[in-house]
Amino acid sequence: MGHVFGRSNAQLPRAVRGEGCYIHDAEGRVYLDGSGGAAVSCLGHSDPDVRAAIHAQLDQLAFAHTGFFTSEAAESLADLLVEHAPEGIDRVYLLSGGSESVEAAIKLARQYFLETGQPQRHRVIARRQSYHGNTLGALAAGGNAWRREKYAPLLVETSHIAPCYEYRLREEGESAEAYGLRAADELEAEIQRLGAESVMAFIAEPVVGATAGAVPAVEGYFKRIREICDRHGVLLILDEVMCGMGRTGTLFACEQDGVSPDIVTIAKGLGAGYMPIGAMLCTAQIYEAIAEGSGAFQHGHTYHGHPLAAAAGRAVLTAILGRNLLPQVRARGAYLQAALTDTLGQHPHVGDIRGRGLFRGVELVADRDAKTPFDPALKINAKVKRFAMDEGLICYPAGGTLDGKHGDHVLLAPPFIISEEQIGELVGKLSRAIDRAIAA
């Protein structure tokens, strides 16, 4: 027994080597990484260009505190991100992960309104069954009931509206477009209930990740959201920590929804697991309000803008763009969707298979016709994870899909370099794990 304080008291295999889409443990077992860990390892586990970039940066400069210096690594990564960012995005604040990025986004929204003479704006609206991180501010914004439960007394009050969750919430006979507008209009109603003058931001994931399993918004939803935010002077924060950086087939997931945010957060795929890195990006308007006002964003971390992390992020981004991986994500994503549908589409306990690009979710149900979730006491998602590992597959099952307590899904987010043959391996192992979990 070692002294590492793990996520739980589970005895885990010890990873010793990563190669391509696989991780090897100390006992000689090999696991296909079907979820990129948590949608992180987009380039696999042994990319030579990223490793070389980190080594080169280490030889030149390992660390310089951002209270005293900037660095070429940070500057060049920021330039590259802005070059390919949604319209209007002009500044990049580099951090060490997704929770930090969301925390910075919320703080920035508040300071923006202080700088522009609107101190009464302090409320955040988010969606139920969202996840925005584990720091207290990010956790307060998130709408996942079980993640919030223990820490509820410590969380800043946040309003939560319904998610855009077509499989569960679109009514019989309702068109997808009509449903999307109805779902978006909940934001309008909540702003009016709170008083528009008190609301500073609405935060949402373009494709919901960990809590609901790769749930994309229907067409038109985010365009209506953008209109509502503009009408009431509310900032739109899009959380692309999990779904961004090419995961859905475009560098930024919101490109497919036809909208540009005021603030966007990224992480996970930006560093591809080679270094801890995230970023909060914002418009020139927001940046200039602070630059020309107090002159300083009252926020910061010791390791934000870390040169090694920035060098890794730039190498990852260069690889995604330079190797033409975005079209590959779209093509392999379609192949994965077809393989899942062929194998599990008629499974009596698979209710929905969804997602975009190489970001896919399989929702498990006790009754397919009635969409009835399994009894949470059965812990189906935990069993799927255990049997998948036994099969030699890393995937990302979770529970509480429907309401934070009921529902099970499996999230898939394999490396962008996955082959069609490996997709077949993934689907076969997942299918066996699901069957074993339900039979157990």
Protein backbone atom coordinates (compact mmCIF):
# COMPACT_ATOMS: atom_id res chain seq x y z
CA MET A 1 0.00 0.00 0.00
CA GLY A 2 1.50 3.32 -1.08
CA HIS A 3 0.92 6.85 0.15
CA VAL A 4 -0.84 8.35 -2.89
CA PHE A 5 -4.24 9.83 -2.00
CA GLY A 6 -6.25 8.48 -4.93
CA ARG A 7 -9.72 9.29 -6.18
CA SER A 8 -11.08 6.36 -4.18
CA ASN A 9 -9.82 3.37 -2.24
CA ALA A 10 -9.82 1.25 -5.40
CA GLN A 11 -6.62 -0.63 -6.19
CA LEU A 12 -5.66 0.50 -9.68
CA PRO A 13 -3.25 -1.02 -12.19
CA ARG A 14 0.02 0.89 -12.50
CA ALA A 15 0.53 2.46 -15.92
CA VAL A 16 4.12 2.16 -17.13
CA ARG A 17 4.12 2.96 -20.83
CA GLY A 18 2.01 4.61 -23.51
CA GLU A 19 2.27 3.90 -27.21
CA GLY A 20 -0.13 5.23 -29.84
CA CYS A 21 -3.70 4.46 -28.77
CA TYR A 22 -2.63 2.05 -26.02
CA ILE A 23 -1.52 2.16 -22.38
CA HIS A 24 0.52 -0.70 -20.87
CA ASP A 25 0.45 -1.59 -17.17
CA ALA A 26 3.07 -3.09 -14.88
CA GLU A 27 1.54 -6.56 -15.20
CA GLY A 28 1.98 -6.56 -18.97
CA ARG A 29 -1.67 -5.89 -19.84
CA VAL A 30 -2.50 -3.59 -22.73
CA TYR A 31 -5.52 -1.24 -22.84
CA LEU A 32 -7.01 0.50 -25.86
CA ASP A 33 -7.63 4.09 -24.77
CA GLY A 34 -11.19 4.50 -26.02
CA SER A 35 -11.85 7.71 -24.12
CA GLY A 36 -8.51 9.48 -24.23
CA GLY A 37 -8.57 9.23 -20.45
CA ALA A 38 -11.18 11.97 -20.06
CA ALA A 39 -11.14 13.24 -23.67
CA VAL A 40 -7.53 14.32 -23.19
CA SER A 41 -5.14 12.17 -25.23
CA CYS A 42 -6.11 13.34 -28.70
CA LEU A 43 -2.70 12.52 -30.25
CA GLY A 44 -2.18 9.23 -28.46
CA HIS A 45 0.51 8.54 -25.90
CA SER A 46 3.85 8.77 -27.69
CA ASP A 47 3.79 11.66 -30.17
CA PRO A 48 7.42 12.42 -31.10
CA ASP A 49 6.84 16.05 -32.14
CA VAL A 50 5.18 17.03 -28.88
CA ARG A 51 7.84 15.27 -26.83
CA ALA A 52 10.55 17.03 -28.83
CA ALA A 53 8.91 20.43 -28.32
CA ILE A 54 8.81 19.92 -24.55
CA HIS A 55 12.47 18.81 -24.48
CA ALA A 56 13.53 21.82 -26.56
CA GLN A 57 11.66 24.24 -24.30
CA LEU A 58 13.11 22.61 -21.19
CA ASP A 59 16.61 23.09 -22.55
CA GLN A 60 15.89 26.78 -23.15
CA LEU A 61 13.59 27.93 -20.32
CA ALA A 62 11.60 25.85 -17.87
CA PHE A 63 9.78 28.56 -15.91
CA ALA A 64 9.38 32.31 -15.67
CA HIS A 65 6.66 33.80 -13.47
CA THR A 66 4.04 35.78 -15.40
CA GLY A 67 4.20 38.56 -12.83
CA PHE A 68 7.63 39.38 -14.24
CA PHE A 69 7.91 37.93 -17.76
CA THR A 70 6.09 36.69 -20.78
CA SER A 71 7.66 33.95 -22.93
CA GLU A 72 7.96 33.13 -26.59
CA ALA A 73 6.17 29.84 -25.97
CA ALA A 74 3.15 31.59 -24.45
CA GLU A 75 3.08 34.35 -27.06
CA SER A 76 3.27 31.98 -30.03
CA LEU A 77 0.57 29.66 -28.66
CA ALA A 78 -1.74 32.62 -28.02
CA ASP A 79 -1.17 33.92 -31.56
CA LEU A 80 -1.95 30.53 -33.08
CA LEU A 81 -5.11 30.09 -30.99
CA VAL A 82 -6.45 33.53 -31.90
CA GLU A 83 -5.67 32.92 -35.57
CA HIS A 84 -8.07 29.97 -35.54
CA ALA A 85 -10.54 31.12 -32.88
CA PRO A 86 -14.20 32.08 -33.37
CA GLU A 87 -14.85 35.55 -34.75
CA GLY A 88 -14.15 38.31 -32.25
CA ILE A 89 -11.91 36.31 -29.92
CA ASP A 90 -8.70 38.29 -29.47
CA ARG A 91 -6.97 37.46 -26.18
CA VAL A 92 -5.75 34.27 -24.51
CA TYR A 93 -5.19 33.71 -20.78
CA LEU A 94 -3.18 30.51 -20.35
CA LEU A 95 -3.86 28.31 -17.33
CA SER A 96 -3.15 24.80 -16.06
CA GLY A 97 -6.46 23.04 -16.72
CA GLY A 98 -10.18 23.21 -17.34
CA SER A 99 -11.41 24.10 -13.86
CA GLU A 100 -8.93 26.98 -13.67
CA SER A 101 -10.08 28.18 -17.10
CA VAL A 102 -13.75 28.25 -16.11
CA GLU A 103 -12.93 29.90 -12.78
CA ALA A 104 -11.04 32.61 -14.68
CA ALA A 105 -13.94 33.05 -17.12
CA ILE A 106 -16.44 33.64 -14.31
CA LYS A 107 -14.13 36.09 -12.57
CA LEU A 108 -13.44 37.90 -15.83
CA ALA A 109 -17.16 38.30 -16.50
CA ARG A 110 -17.62 39.86 -13.08
CA GLN A 111 -14.67 42.22 -13.42
CA TYR A 112 -15.81 43.26 -16.90
CA PHE A 113 -19.09 44.53 -15.52
CA LEU A 114 -17.34 46.29 -12.65
CA GLU A 115 -15.04 48.01 -15.14
CA THR A 116 -17.98 49.07 -17.32
CA GLY A 117 -20.02 50.54 -14.48
CA GLN A 118 -22.52 47.71 -14.04
CA PRO A 119 -21.70 46.35 -10.58
CA GLN A 120 -25.23 45.04 -10.13
CA ARG A 121 -24.55 42.28 -12.67
CA HIS A 122 -23.32 39.26 -10.72
CA ARG A 123 -25.64 36.33 -11.46
CA VAL A 124 -24.65 33.32 -13.55
CA ILE A 125 -27.12 31.11 -15.39
CA ALA A 126 -26.10 27.60 -16.46
CA ARG A 127 -27.86 24.36 -17.34
CA ARG A 128 -28.81 21.29 -15.38
CA GLN A 129 -26.67 18.24 -16.16
CA SER A 130 -23.70 20.38 -17.10
CA TYR A 131 -20.18 20.11 -15.75
CA HIS A 132 -17.79 23.03 -15.63
CA GLY A 133 -15.06 21.93 -13.23
CA ASN A 134 -14.28 21.09 -9.62
CA THR A 135 -13.08 24.36 -8.10
CA LEU A 136 -15.85 25.93 -6.02
CA GLY A 137 -16.73 28.61 -8.57
CA ALA A 138 -16.76 26.19 -11.47
CA LEU A 139 -18.64 23.59 -9.43
CA ALA A 140 -21.27 26.21 -8.54
CA ALA A 141 -21.76 26.94 -12.24
CA GLY A 142 -22.09 23.25 -13.05
CA GLY A 143 -25.47 21.62 -12.86
CA ASN A 144 -24.63 18.04 -11.93
CA ALA A 145 -26.53 17.21 -8.74
CA TRP A 146 -24.30 14.51 -7.25
CA ARG A 147 -21.06 16.41 -7.84
CA ARG A 148 -22.51 19.47 -6.08
CA GLU A 149 -24.27 17.73 -3.20
CA LYS A 150 -21.46 17.50 -0.63
CA TYR A 151 -20.28 21.06 -1.25
CA ALA A 152 -23.65 22.78 -1.65
CA PRO A 153 -23.25 25.05 1.43
CA LEU A 154 -20.01 26.41 -0.03
CA LEU A 155 -21.31 27.19 -3.52
CA VAL A 156 -22.32 30.59 -4.86
CA GLU A 157 -25.97 30.57 -5.93
CA THR A 158 -26.36 29.84 -9.64
CA SER A 159 -29.54 29.47 -11.69
CA HIS A 160 -29.92 26.32 -13.77
CA ILE A 161 -32.26 25.89 -16.72
CA ALA A 162 -33.02 22.72 -18.67
CA PRO A 163 -30.33 21.31 -20.96
CA CYS A 164 -30.81 20.88 -24.70
CA TYR A 165 -31.22 17.10 -24.44
CA GLU A 166 -33.18 15.92 -27.46
CA TYR A 167 -33.36 12.22 -26.57
CA ARG A 168 -35.02 12.93 -23.24
CA LEU A 169 -36.76 16.29 -23.55
CA ARG A 170 -38.01 16.71 -27.11
CA GLU A 171 -41.77 16.08 -27.06
CA GLU A 172 -43.59 13.67 -29.34
CA GLY A 173 -44.58 15.43 -32.56
CA GLU A 174 -42.27 18.37 -31.87
CA SER A 175 -39.72 19.20 -34.57
CA ALA A 176 -36.07 19.41 -33.60
CA GLU A 177 -36.03 23.11 -34.51
CA ALA A 178 -39.11 23.87 -32.41
CA TYR A 179 -37.66 21.96 -29.49
CA GLY A 180 -34.36 23.85 -29.72
CA LEU A 181 -36.12 27.21 -29.66
CA ARG A 182 -38.30 26.13 -26.74
CA ALA A 183 -35.24 24.97 -24.79
CA ALA A 184 -33.34 28.18 -25.53
CA ASP A 185 -36.28 30.33 -24.51
CA GLU A 186 -35.89 29.01 -20.97
CA LEU A 187 -32.87 31.31 -20.78
CA GLU A 188 -35.04 34.31 -21.69
CA ALA A 189 -37.54 33.38 -19.00
CA GLU A 190 -34.84 32.96 -16.35
CA ILE A 191 -33.19 36.28 -17.22
CA GLN A 192 -36.54 38.01 -16.89
CA ARG A 193 -37.25 36.23 -13.60
CA LEU A 194 -33.93 37.32 -12.11
CA GLY A 195 -33.99 40.76 -13.71
CA ALA A 196 -31.73 41.31 -16.70
CA GLU A 197 -29.81 44.04 -14.90
CA SER A 198 -28.52 41.45 -12.40
CA VAL A 199 -27.34 38.76 -14.85
CA MET A 200 -23.74 38.77 -16.02
CA ALA A 201 -23.28 35.49 -17.92
CA PHE A 202 -24.76 32.30 -19.32
CA ILE A 203 -22.37 29.33 -19.47
CA ALA A 204 -22.88 26.13 -21.45
CA GLU A 205 -21.00 23.29 -23.13
CA PRO A 206 -21.67 23.19 -26.90
CA VAL A 207 -21.59 19.38 -26.62
CA VAL A 208 -22.22 18.22 -23.04
CA GLY A 209 -19.51 15.82 -21.95
CA ALA A 210 -18.98 14.07 -18.64
CA THR A 211 -22.41 14.43 -17.05
CA ALA A 212 -24.66 13.52 -19.97
CA GLY A 213 -22.48 11.71 -22.49
CA ALA A 214 -21.75 13.68 -25.69
CA VAL A 215 -25.09 15.46 -26.01
CA PRO A 216 -25.01 18.00 -28.86
CA ALA A 217 -27.48 20.86 -29.10
CA VAL A 218 -30.05 20.69 -31.88
CA GLU A 219 -29.67 23.05 -34.81
CA GLY A 220 -30.68 26.61 -34.02
CA TYR A 221 -30.45 26.32 -30.24
CA PHE A 222 -27.24 28.26 -29.75
CA LYS A 223 -28.15 30.90 -32.32
CA ARG A 224 -31.24 31.68 -30.25
CA ILE A 225 -29.11 31.63 -27.09
CA ARG A 226 -26.74 34.15 -28.68
CA GLU A 227 -29.67 36.40 -29.61
CA ILE A 228 -31.05 36.29 -26.07
CA CYS A 229 -27.68 37.10 -24.52
CA ASP A 230 -27.18 40.03 -26.91
CA ARG A 231 -30.66 41.38 -26.25
CA HIS A 232 -30.07 41.53 -22.51
CA GLY A 233 -26.36 42.43 -22.44
CA VAL A 234 -25.41 39.06 -20.96
CA LEU A 235 -22.03 37.50 -21.73
CA LEU A 236 -22.04 34.09 -23.44
CA ILE A 237 -19.38 31.76 -22.00
CA LEU A 238 -18.90 28.52 -23.91
CA ASP A 239 -17.11 25.75 -22.06
CA GLU A 240 -15.16 23.72 -24.60
CA VAL A 241 -12.79 22.15 -22.09
CA MET A 242 -13.88 18.66 -23.15
CA CYS A 243 -15.51 19.14 -26.56
CA GLY A 244 -13.06 21.65 -28.05
CA MET A 245 -9.66 21.47 -29.77
CA GLY A 246 -10.86 19.30 -32.63
CA ARG A 247 -12.71 16.68 -30.58
CA THR A 248 -16.00 17.20 -32.46
CA GLY A 249 -14.40 17.68 -35.88
CA THR A 250 -13.79 21.43 -35.85
CA LEU A 251 -11.13 23.14 -33.76
CA PHE A 252 -13.78 24.91 -31.69
CA ALA A 253 -17.03 22.99 -31.22
CA CYS A 254 -19.15 26.14 -31.48
CA GLU A 255 -18.14 26.53 -35.14
CA GLN A 256 -20.74 23.86 -35.93
CA ASP A 257 -23.43 25.84 -34.13
CA GLY A 258 -22.71 29.02 -36.06
CA VAL A 259 -22.05 31.21 -33.03
CA SER A 260 -19.16 33.08 -31.45
CA PRO A 261 -18.93 33.43 -27.67
CA ASP A 262 -17.72 36.37 -25.62
CA ILE A 263 -15.54 34.01 -23.58
CA VAL A 264 -14.53 30.43 -24.37
CA THR A 265 -12.62 27.94 -22.23
CA ILE A 266 -10.41 25.10 -23.51
CA ALA A 267 -8.11 22.50 -21.95
CA LYS A 268 -7.80 18.69 -22.19
CA GLY A 269 -7.07 18.27 -25.92
CA LEU A 270 -4.98 21.45 -25.95
CA GLY A 271 -2.20 19.66 -24.08
CA ALA A 272 -3.20 16.16 -25.22
CA GLY A 273 -2.03 14.87 -21.84
CA TYR A 274 1.61 15.80 -22.41
CA MET A 275 1.44 18.79 -20.06
CA PRO A 276 -1.32 20.26 -17.86
CA ILE A 277 -2.68 23.28 -19.74
CA GLY A 278 -5.92 25.14 -20.29
CA ALA A 279 -6.91 28.56 -21.55
CA MET A 280 -9.59 31.20 -21.25
CA LEU A 281 -10.08 33.25 -24.41
CA CYS A 282 -12.09 36.47 -24.68
CA THR A 283 -13.05 39.23 -27.07
CA ALA A 284 -11.09 42.42 -27.55
CA GLN A 285 -14.02 44.35 -26.06
CA ILE A 286 -13.73 42.53 -22.74
CA TYR A 287 -9.95 42.77 -22.66
CA GLU A 288 -9.93 46.49 -23.49
CA ALA A 289 -12.49 47.30 -20.80
CA ILE A 290 -9.98 46.08 -18.23
CA ALA A 291 -6.82 47.26 -19.99
CA GLU A 292 -8.20 50.79 -20.31
CA GLY A 293 -9.87 50.70 -16.89
CA SER A 294 -8.06 49.37 -13.83
CA GLY A 295 -5.33 47.95 -16.07
CA ALA A 296 -5.15 44.54 -14.41
CA PHE A 297 -7.22 41.35 -14.23
CA GLN A 298 -7.41 40.60 -10.50
CA HIS A 299 -6.67 36.92 -10.84
CA GLY A 300 -3.69 34.61 -11.38
CA HIS A 301 -1.89 31.38 -10.53
CA THR A 302 1.77 30.59 -9.99
CA TYR A 303 1.94 28.25 -12.97
CA HIS A 304 -0.37 29.96 -15.43
CA GLY A 305 1.33 30.68 -18.74
CA HIS A 306 3.96 28.04 -17.95
CA PRO A 307 6.50 27.89 -20.82
CA LEU A 308 6.74 24.08 -20.90
CA ALA A 309 2.95 23.74 -21.01
CA ALA A 310 2.67 26.43 -23.67
CA ALA A 311 5.30 24.73 -25.81
CA ALA A 312 3.40 21.46 -25.54
CA GLY A 313 0.12 23.15 -26.39
CA ARG A 314 1.58 24.81 -29.45
CA ALA A 315 3.03 21.50 -30.64
CA VAL A 316 -0.33 19.77 -30.16
CA LEU A 317 -2.22 22.51 -31.97
CA THR A 318 0.33 22.51 -34.79
CA ALA A 319 -0.10 18.76 -35.14
CA ILE A 320 -3.89 18.95 -35.23
CA LEU A 321 -3.83 21.65 -37.90
CA GLY A 322 -0.72 20.63 -39.83
CA ARG A 323 -1.49 16.92 -40.11
CA ASN A 324 -5.00 17.53 -41.39
CA LEU A 325 -6.47 15.74 -38.38
CA LEU A 326 -9.77 17.65 -38.31
CA PRO A 327 -11.15 15.97 -41.47
CA GLN A 328 -9.85 12.68 -40.06
CA VAL A 329 -11.80 13.24 -36.83
CA ARG A 330 -14.96 13.81 -38.85
CA ALA A 331 -14.40 10.71 -40.99
CA ARG A 332 -13.39 8.43 -38.12
CA GLY A 333 -16.21 9.85 -36.04
CA ALA A 334 -18.72 8.87 -38.69
CA TYR A 335 -17.11 5.42 -38.85
CA LEU A 336 -17.34 5.07 -35.06
CA GLN A 337 -21.00 6.13 -35.08
CA ALA A 338 -21.78 3.59 -37.82
CA ALA A 339 -19.91 0.82 -35.97
CA LEU A 340 -21.72 1.59 -32.73
CA THR A 341 -25.06 1.65 -34.53
CA ASP A 342 -24.38 -1.64 -36.33
CA THR A 343 -23.37 -3.40 -33.10
CA LEU A 344 -25.52 -1.71 -30.46
CA GLY A 345 -28.24 0.12 -32.36
CA GLN A 346 -30.84 -2.58 -31.72
CA HIS A 347 -29.55 -3.63 -28.32
CA PRO A 348 -32.49 -3.88 -25.88
CA HIS A 349 -30.60 -1.81 -23.31
CA VAL A 350 -29.14 0.91 -25.55
CA GLY A 351 -31.45 3.89 -25.78
CA ASP A 352 -29.37 6.42 -27.70
CA ILE A 353 -26.07 6.70 -29.57
CA ARG A 354 -25.07 10.31 -30.16
CA GLY A 355 -22.33 12.87 -30.49
CA ARG A 356 -20.12 14.65 -32.99
CA GLY A 357 -16.75 13.69 -34.42
CA LEU A 358 -14.74 11.43 -32.11
CA PHE A 359 -16.93 12.42 -29.17
CA ARG A 360 -19.68 9.83 -28.79
CA GLY A 361 -22.07 8.74 -26.06
CA VAL A 362 -24.03 5.53 -25.56
CA GLU A 363 -26.98 5.87 -23.16
CA LEU A 364 -28.00 2.67 -21.41
CA VAL A 365 -31.61 1.97 -20.38
CA ALA A 366 -33.55 -0.74 -18.58
CA ASP A 367 -36.41 -0.45 -21.07
CA ARG A 368 -35.63 0.77 -24.57
CA ASP A 369 -39.20 1.64 -25.61
CA ALA A 370 -40.04 3.54 -22.43
CA LYS A 371 -36.51 5.01 -22.07
CA THR A 372 -36.58 3.86 -18.44
CA PRO A 373 -33.20 4.18 -16.73
CA PHE A 374 -31.68 1.40 -14.67
CA ASP A 375 -32.05 1.48 -10.90
CA PRO A 376 -29.02 3.49 -9.68
CA ALA A 377 -28.42 0.83 -7.02
CA LEU A 378 -27.34 -1.55 -9.78
CA LYS A 379 -24.36 0.73 -10.56
CA ILE A 380 -24.42 -0.29 -14.20
CA ASN A 381 -21.92 2.39 -15.24
CA ALA A 382 -19.37 1.24 -12.66
CA LYS A 383 -19.77 -2.35 -13.82
CA VAL A 384 -19.26 -1.32 -17.45
CA LYS A 385 -16.02 0.41 -16.51
CA ARG A 386 -14.78 -2.62 -14.57
CA PHE A 387 -15.63 -5.13 -17.30
CA ALA A 388 -14.26 -2.83 -20.02
CA MET A 389 -10.92 -2.69 -18.21
CA ASP A 390 -11.06 -6.47 -17.94
CA GLU A 391 -11.57 -6.60 -21.73
CA GLY A 392 -8.61 -4.25 -22.24
CA LEU A 393 -10.59 -1.08 -22.97
CA ILE A 394 -10.49 2.32 -21.30
CA CYS A 395 -13.84 4.09 -21.62
CA TYR A 396 -15.64 6.74 -19.55
CA PRO A 397 -18.92 5.44 -18.09
CA ALA A 398 -20.90 7.67 -15.71
CA GLY A 399 -24.18 7.73 -13.84
CA GLY A 400 -26.87 10.30 -13.14
CA THR A 401 -27.28 11.01 -16.84
CA LEU A 402 -30.93 11.96 -16.57
CA ASP A 403 -31.14 13.99 -13.39
CA GLY A 404 -27.93 13.57 -11.43
CA LYS A 405 -29.11 10.32 -9.88
CA HIS A 406 -30.81 8.16 -12.52
CA GLY A 407 -29.35 7.09 -15.84
CA ASP A 408 -26.17 5.49 -17.18
CA HIS A 409 -24.04 6.31 -20.19
CA VAL A 410 -20.63 5.56 -21.67
CA LEU A 411 -18.56 8.40 -23.12
CA LEU A 412 -16.11 7.62 -25.92
CA ALA A 413 -13.36 10.01 -27.00
CA PRO A 414 -10.50 8.04 -28.57
CA PRO A 415 -7.30 9.59 -29.94
CA PHE A 416 -7.64 11.35 -33.30
CA ILE A 417 -5.10 8.87 -34.69
CA ILE A 418 -7.30 5.82 -34.06
CA SER A 419 -7.60 3.50 -37.06
CA GLU A 420 -10.75 1.87 -38.42
CA GLU A 421 -9.42 -1.48 -37.23
CA GLN A 422 -8.96 -0.10 -33.72
CA ILE A 423 -12.48 1.33 -33.82
CA GLY A 424 -13.70 -2.21 -34.47
CA GLU A 425 -11.68 -3.39 -31.48
CA LEU A 426 -13.15 -0.61 -29.33
CA VAL A 427 -16.76 -1.37 -30.26
CA GLY A 428 -16.33 -5.11 -29.81
CA LYS A 429 -14.81 -4.75 -26.36
CA LEU A 430 -17.41 -2.18 -25.32
CA SER A 431 -20.27 -4.39 -26.47
CA ARG A 432 -18.97 -7.30 -24.43
CA ALA A 433 -18.46 -5.09 -21.38
CA ILE A 434 -22.04 -3.78 -21.60
CA ASP A 435 -23.45 -7.28 -21.86
CA ARG A 436 -21.38 -8.48 -18.93
CA ALA A 437 -22.37 -5.48 -16.79
CA ILE A 438 -26.09 -5.99 -17.42
CA ALA A 439 -25.85 -9.73 -16.75
CA ALA A 440 -23.82 -9.32 -13.55
